[in-house]
Amino acid sequence: MQPRYGLDDKTVSQDEVQIILRDNGYEDGDHVTLFVNGKAYTQSIFLTNAGQSVLVPLNLGANLVQITGDLDGGGGVTLAADVSSQGNMSSSPIPVDSTAAFYIIRR
């Protein structure tokens, strides 16, 4: 498993979730790509403080979520992720070309 950079696993019961990705620091030009179970759901999106919402289908069991830091506007790629309103998970800065990972477990 890749480093988590402070992101925690989440457990849900629904077959799809909204993942909101946002810049939790200064809106300085950070870009990330979101993968779930190896499939890209975004392509180098610009992180804003308001956030970008992505609807993602889930398999039963463990679903691997990977967020790759594509571009750093300064100070590392700062990121918060909200999985179906279960609360924001803030990462420590992700270096460019590195990936933060966590699981969404669908029961």
N, C-alpha and C. Protein backbone atom coordinates (compact mmCIF):
# COMPACT_ATOMS: atom_id res chain seq x y z
N MET A 1 0.86 -1.19 0.00
CA MET A 1 0.00 0.00 0.00
C MET A 1 0.89 1.24 0.00
N GLN A 2 0.45 2.24 -0.73
CA GLN A 2 1.18 3.50 -0.79
C GLN A 2 1.01 4.28 0.51
N PRO A 3 1.83 5.30 0.71
CA PRO A 3 1.67 6.13 1.91
C PRO A 3 0.28 6.76 1.96
N ARG A 4 -0.21 6.98 3.15
CA ARG A 4 -1.54 7.55 3.34
C ARG A 4 -1.51 9.07 3.41
N TYR A 5 -0.43 9.64 3.82
CA TYR A 5 -0.34 11.10 3.99
C TYR A 5 -1.48 11.63 4.85
N GLY A 6 -1.88 10.85 5.86
CA GLY A 6 -2.90 11.29 6.81
C GLY A 6 -4.32 10.93 6.44
N LEU A 7 -4.56 10.28 5.30
CA LEU A 7 -5.92 9.91 4.89
C LEU A 7 -6.31 8.58 5.51
N ASP A 8 -7.54 8.49 6.00
CA ASP A 8 -8.03 7.29 6.70
C ASP A 8 -9.04 6.53 5.85
N ASP A 9 -9.17 5.24 6.13
CA ASP A 9 -10.18 4.42 5.46
C ASP A 9 -11.58 4.85 5.90
N LYS A 10 -12.55 4.65 5.02
CA LYS A 10 -13.95 4.97 5.30
C LYS A 10 -14.80 3.74 4.99
N THR A 11 -15.89 3.56 5.72
CA THR A 11 -16.83 2.47 5.49
C THR A 11 -18.18 3.05 5.13
N VAL A 12 -18.78 2.53 4.05
CA VAL A 12 -20.08 3.02 3.57
C VAL A 12 -20.97 1.83 3.22
N SER A 13 -22.25 2.09 3.02
CA SER A 13 -23.18 1.03 2.61
C SER A 13 -23.70 1.23 1.20
N GLN A 14 -23.54 2.42 0.64
CA GLN A 14 -24.08 2.70 -0.69
C GLN A 14 -23.16 2.18 -1.80
N ASP A 15 -23.73 2.03 -3.00
CA ASP A 15 -22.96 1.48 -4.12
C ASP A 15 -22.19 2.54 -4.91
N GLU A 16 -22.35 3.81 -4.55
CA GLU A 16 -21.55 4.88 -5.13
C GLU A 16 -21.42 5.99 -4.10
N VAL A 17 -20.34 6.75 -4.21
CA VAL A 17 -20.08 7.84 -3.26
C VAL A 17 -19.64 9.08 -4.00
N GLN A 18 -19.89 10.22 -3.38
CA GLN A 18 -19.35 11.50 -3.84
C GLN A 18 -18.02 11.70 -3.10
N ILE A 19 -16.98 11.92 -3.85
CA ILE A 19 -15.70 12.29 -3.25
C ILE A 19 -15.44 13.75 -3.63
N ILE A 20 -15.32 14.58 -2.62
CA ILE A 20 -15.03 16.00 -2.86
C ILE A 20 -13.56 16.22 -2.54
N LEU A 21 -12.82 16.69 -3.52
CA LEU A 21 -11.40 16.99 -3.37
C LEU A 21 -11.23 18.50 -3.34
N ARG A 22 -10.51 19.00 -2.35
CA ARG A 22 -10.32 20.44 -2.27
C ARG A 22 -8.93 20.76 -1.74
N ASP A 23 -8.50 21.97 -2.01
CA ASP A 23 -7.24 22.47 -1.47
C ASP A 23 -7.53 22.95 -0.06
N ASN A 24 -6.90 22.34 0.93
CA ASN A 24 -7.17 22.73 2.32
C ASN A 24 -6.15 23.75 2.83
N GLY A 25 -5.37 24.29 1.92
CA GLY A 25 -4.44 25.37 2.25
C GLY A 25 -4.72 26.54 1.34
N TYR A 26 -3.67 27.22 0.97
CA TYR A 26 -3.78 28.35 0.05
C TYR A 26 -4.07 27.82 -1.34
N GLU A 27 -5.05 28.38 -2.01
CA GLU A 27 -5.41 27.97 -3.37
C GLU A 27 -4.31 28.46 -4.32
N ASP A 28 -3.31 27.60 -4.50
CA ASP A 28 -2.08 28.05 -5.16
C ASP A 28 -1.74 27.29 -6.45
N GLY A 29 -2.67 26.51 -6.97
CA GLY A 29 -2.41 25.84 -8.24
C GLY A 29 -2.11 24.37 -8.13
N ASP A 30 -2.42 23.74 -7.01
CA ASP A 30 -2.22 22.30 -6.87
C ASP A 30 -3.17 21.54 -7.81
N HIS A 31 -2.66 20.46 -8.41
CA HIS A 31 -3.45 19.59 -9.28
C HIS A 31 -3.27 18.14 -8.83
N VAL A 32 -4.37 17.36 -8.88
CA VAL A 32 -4.31 15.94 -8.52
C VAL A 32 -5.11 15.12 -9.53
N THR A 33 -4.82 13.83 -9.56
CA THR A 33 -5.61 12.87 -10.32
C THR A 33 -6.16 11.84 -9.34
N LEU A 34 -7.45 11.52 -9.45
CA LEU A 34 -8.13 10.57 -8.58
C LEU A 34 -8.32 9.24 -9.31
N PHE A 35 -7.86 8.18 -8.67
CA PHE A 35 -8.06 6.81 -9.16
C PHE A 35 -8.84 6.02 -8.12
N VAL A 36 -9.77 5.19 -8.57
CA VAL A 36 -10.45 4.25 -7.68
C VAL A 36 -10.38 2.88 -8.35
N ASN A 37 -9.82 1.93 -7.62
CA ASN A 37 -9.62 0.57 -8.14
C ASN A 37 -8.89 0.58 -9.48
N GLY A 38 -7.91 1.49 -9.60
CA GLY A 38 -7.07 1.54 -10.77
C GLY A 38 -7.61 2.34 -11.94
N LYS A 39 -8.86 2.83 -11.85
CA LYS A 39 -9.46 3.60 -12.93
C LYS A 39 -9.40 5.09 -12.60
N ALA A 40 -8.95 5.89 -13.57
CA ALA A 40 -8.88 7.34 -13.36
C ALA A 40 -10.27 7.95 -13.45
N TYR A 41 -10.65 8.72 -12.44
CA TYR A 41 -11.94 9.42 -12.43
C TYR A 41 -11.77 10.91 -12.66
N THR A 42 -10.56 11.41 -12.58
CA THR A 42 -10.25 12.79 -12.94
C THR A 42 -8.92 12.76 -13.67
N GLN A 43 -8.63 13.85 -14.34
CA GLN A 43 -7.33 13.99 -14.99
C GLN A 43 -6.74 15.33 -14.59
N SER A 44 -5.84 15.29 -13.67
CA SER A 44 -5.10 16.47 -13.22
C SER A 44 -6.01 17.68 -12.99
N ILE A 45 -6.95 17.53 -12.04
CA ILE A 45 -7.86 18.64 -11.74
C ILE A 45 -7.19 19.66 -10.83
N PHE A 46 -7.55 20.91 -11.04
CA PHE A 46 -7.10 22.03 -10.21
C PHE A 46 -7.88 22.00 -8.91
N LEU A 47 -7.17 21.99 -7.78
CA LEU A 47 -7.83 21.99 -6.48
C LEU A 47 -8.18 23.41 -6.06
N THR A 48 -9.45 23.61 -5.71
CA THR A 48 -9.90 24.89 -5.19
C THR A 48 -10.27 24.72 -3.73
N ASN A 49 -10.44 25.82 -3.02
CA ASN A 49 -10.90 25.73 -1.64
C ASN A 49 -12.34 25.25 -1.57
N ALA A 50 -13.15 25.56 -2.58
CA ALA A 50 -14.55 25.12 -2.61
C ALA A 50 -14.64 23.63 -2.90
N GLY A 51 -13.73 23.10 -3.70
CA GLY A 51 -13.70 21.67 -3.97
C GLY A 51 -14.35 21.26 -5.28
N GLN A 52 -13.97 20.08 -5.73
CA GLN A 52 -14.52 19.45 -6.93
C GLN A 52 -15.13 18.13 -6.49
N SER A 53 -16.36 17.87 -6.94
CA SER A 53 -17.08 16.66 -6.56
C SER A 53 -17.02 15.64 -7.69
N VAL A 54 -16.75 14.38 -7.32
CA VAL A 54 -16.65 13.30 -8.29
C VAL A 54 -17.51 12.14 -7.78
N LEU A 55 -18.43 11.65 -8.61
CA LEU A 55 -19.27 10.50 -8.27
C LEU A 55 -18.54 9.23 -8.68
N VAL A 56 -18.37 8.31 -7.74
CA VAL A 56 -17.57 7.11 -7.98
C VAL A 56 -18.36 5.87 -7.59
N PRO A 57 -18.52 4.89 -8.51
CA PRO A 57 -19.16 3.62 -8.16
C PRO A 57 -18.20 2.76 -7.34
N LEU A 58 -18.76 1.94 -6.46
CA LEU A 58 -17.94 1.09 -5.59
C LEU A 58 -18.28 -0.38 -5.78
N ASN A 59 -17.26 -1.22 -5.65
CA ASN A 59 -17.46 -2.66 -5.57
C ASN A 59 -17.76 -3.03 -4.13
N LEU A 60 -18.36 -4.20 -3.90
CA LEU A 60 -18.48 -4.71 -2.54
C LEU A 60 -17.09 -4.95 -1.98
N GLY A 61 -16.91 -4.69 -0.70
CA GLY A 61 -15.62 -4.89 -0.07
C GLY A 61 -14.73 -3.67 -0.18
N ALA A 62 -13.43 -3.92 -0.25
CA ALA A 62 -12.44 -2.83 -0.23
C ALA A 62 -12.24 -2.23 -1.61
N ASN A 63 -12.29 -0.90 -1.68
CA ASN A 63 -12.05 -0.14 -2.90
C ASN A 63 -10.86 0.77 -2.66
N LEU A 64 -9.81 0.59 -3.45
CA LEU A 64 -8.59 1.36 -3.27
C LEU A 64 -8.72 2.72 -3.93
N VAL A 65 -8.57 3.78 -3.14
CA VAL A 65 -8.59 5.16 -3.63
C VAL A 65 -7.15 5.67 -3.62
N GLN A 66 -6.72 6.20 -4.77
CA GLN A 66 -5.38 6.75 -4.89
C GLN A 66 -5.49 8.16 -5.45
N ILE A 67 -4.78 9.08 -4.82
CA ILE A 67 -4.76 10.48 -5.26
C ILE A 67 -3.31 10.85 -5.51
N THR A 68 -3.03 11.16 -6.76
CA THR A 68 -1.66 11.47 -7.16
C THR A 68 -1.48 12.98 -7.26
N GLY A 69 -0.41 13.48 -6.66
CA GLY A 69 -0.07 14.90 -6.76
C GLY A 69 0.59 15.16 -8.11
N ASP A 70 -0.08 15.92 -8.96
CA ASP A 70 0.42 16.18 -10.31
C ASP A 70 1.20 17.48 -10.44
N LEU A 71 0.75 18.52 -9.75
CA LEU A 71 1.38 19.83 -9.86
C LEU A 71 1.28 20.52 -8.51
N ASP A 72 2.38 21.10 -8.08
CA ASP A 72 2.44 21.78 -6.79
C ASP A 72 2.57 23.28 -7.02
N GLY A 73 1.58 24.01 -6.48
CA GLY A 73 1.63 25.47 -6.60
C GLY A 73 2.57 26.10 -5.60
N GLY A 74 3.08 25.32 -4.65
CA GLY A 74 4.00 25.83 -3.62
C GLY A 74 3.71 25.21 -2.28
N GLY A 75 4.69 24.63 -1.63
CA GLY A 75 4.52 24.07 -0.29
C GLY A 75 3.97 22.66 -0.25
N GLY A 76 3.99 21.95 -1.37
CA GLY A 76 3.42 20.60 -1.43
C GLY A 76 1.97 20.66 -1.84
N VAL A 77 1.47 19.55 -2.36
CA VAL A 77 0.07 19.47 -2.77
C VAL A 77 -0.76 19.26 -1.50
N THR A 78 -1.49 20.31 -1.11
CA THR A 78 -2.32 20.24 0.10
C THR A 78 -3.72 19.84 -0.30
N LEU A 79 -4.28 18.85 0.41
CA LEU A 79 -5.49 18.19 -0.03
C LEU A 79 -6.38 17.82 1.14
N ALA A 80 -7.69 18.00 0.95
CA ALA A 80 -8.69 17.43 1.84
C ALA A 80 -9.64 16.63 0.97
N ALA A 81 -10.11 15.51 1.49
CA ALA A 81 -11.07 14.66 0.78
C ALA A 81 -12.25 14.41 1.69
N ASP A 82 -13.45 14.54 1.14
CA ASP A 82 -14.68 14.26 1.87
C ASP A 82 -15.40 13.14 1.12
N VAL A 83 -15.61 12.01 1.79
CA VAL A 83 -16.26 10.86 1.18
C VAL A 83 -17.70 10.81 1.67
N SER A 84 -18.64 11.12 0.77
CA SER A 84 -20.08 11.08 1.08
C SER A 84 -20.42 11.73 2.40
N SER A 85 -19.88 12.92 2.61
CA SER A 85 -20.17 13.74 3.79
C SER A 85 -19.84 13.04 5.10
N GLN A 86 -18.86 12.16 5.10
CA GLN A 86 -18.42 11.53 6.35
C GLN A 86 -17.37 12.36 7.06
N GLY A 87 -17.13 13.54 6.54
CA GLY A 87 -16.15 14.41 7.16
C GLY A 87 -14.90 14.50 6.32
N ASN A 88 -14.27 15.63 6.42
CA ASN A 88 -13.06 15.84 5.64
C ASN A 88 -11.89 15.10 6.25
N MET A 89 -11.08 14.56 5.38
CA MET A 89 -9.81 13.97 5.77
C MET A 89 -8.75 14.85 5.17
N SER A 90 -7.91 15.40 5.99
CA SER A 90 -6.85 16.27 5.48
C SER A 90 -5.55 15.50 5.40
N SER A 91 -4.85 15.70 4.32
CA SER A 91 -3.57 15.03 4.15
C SER A 91 -2.45 15.97 4.57
N SER A 92 -1.32 15.38 4.89
CA SER A 92 -0.10 16.18 4.94
C SER A 92 0.26 16.44 3.48
N PRO A 93 1.07 17.43 3.19
CA PRO A 93 1.37 17.73 1.78
C PRO A 93 1.89 16.50 1.04
N ILE A 94 1.37 16.32 -0.16
CA ILE A 94 1.78 15.21 -1.02
C ILE A 94 2.82 15.74 -2.00
N PRO A 95 3.98 15.11 -2.07
CA PRO A 95 4.96 15.55 -3.06
C PRO A 95 4.46 15.28 -4.49
N VAL A 96 4.89 16.08 -5.44
CA VAL A 96 4.54 15.87 -6.84
C VAL A 96 5.02 14.48 -7.26
N ASP A 97 4.22 13.81 -8.06
CA ASP A 97 4.48 12.46 -8.56
C ASP A 97 4.40 11.39 -7.47
N SER A 98 3.86 11.75 -6.29
CA SER A 98 3.62 10.78 -5.23
C SER A 98 2.12 10.54 -5.13
N THR A 99 1.76 9.44 -4.48
CA THR A 99 0.35 9.05 -4.39
C THR A 99 -0.03 8.78 -2.95
N ALA A 100 -1.12 9.39 -2.52
CA ALA A 100 -1.73 9.09 -1.22
C ALA A 100 -2.82 8.06 -1.46
N ALA A 101 -2.98 7.11 -0.55
CA ALA A 101 -3.94 6.04 -0.76
C ALA A 101 -4.73 5.76 0.51
N PHE A 102 -5.99 5.35 0.33
CA PHE A 102 -6.83 4.86 1.42
C PHE A 102 -7.89 3.95 0.82
N TYR A 103 -8.65 3.28 1.67
CA TYR A 103 -9.70 2.38 1.21
C TYR A 103 -11.07 2.93 1.57
N ILE A 104 -12.03 2.73 0.68
CA ILE A 104 -13.45 2.89 1.01
C ILE A 104 -14.01 1.47 1.01
N ILE A 105 -14.49 1.05 2.16
CA ILE A 105 -15.03 -0.30 2.30
C ILE A 105 -16.54 -0.24 2.16
N ARG A 106 -17.06 -0.93 1.16
CA ARG A 106 -18.51 -0.99 0.95
C ARG A 106 -19.04 -2.27 1.57
N ARG A 107 -19.94 -2.13 2.53
CA ARG A 107 -20.56 -3.30 3.21
C ARG A 107 -21.81 -3.73 2.51
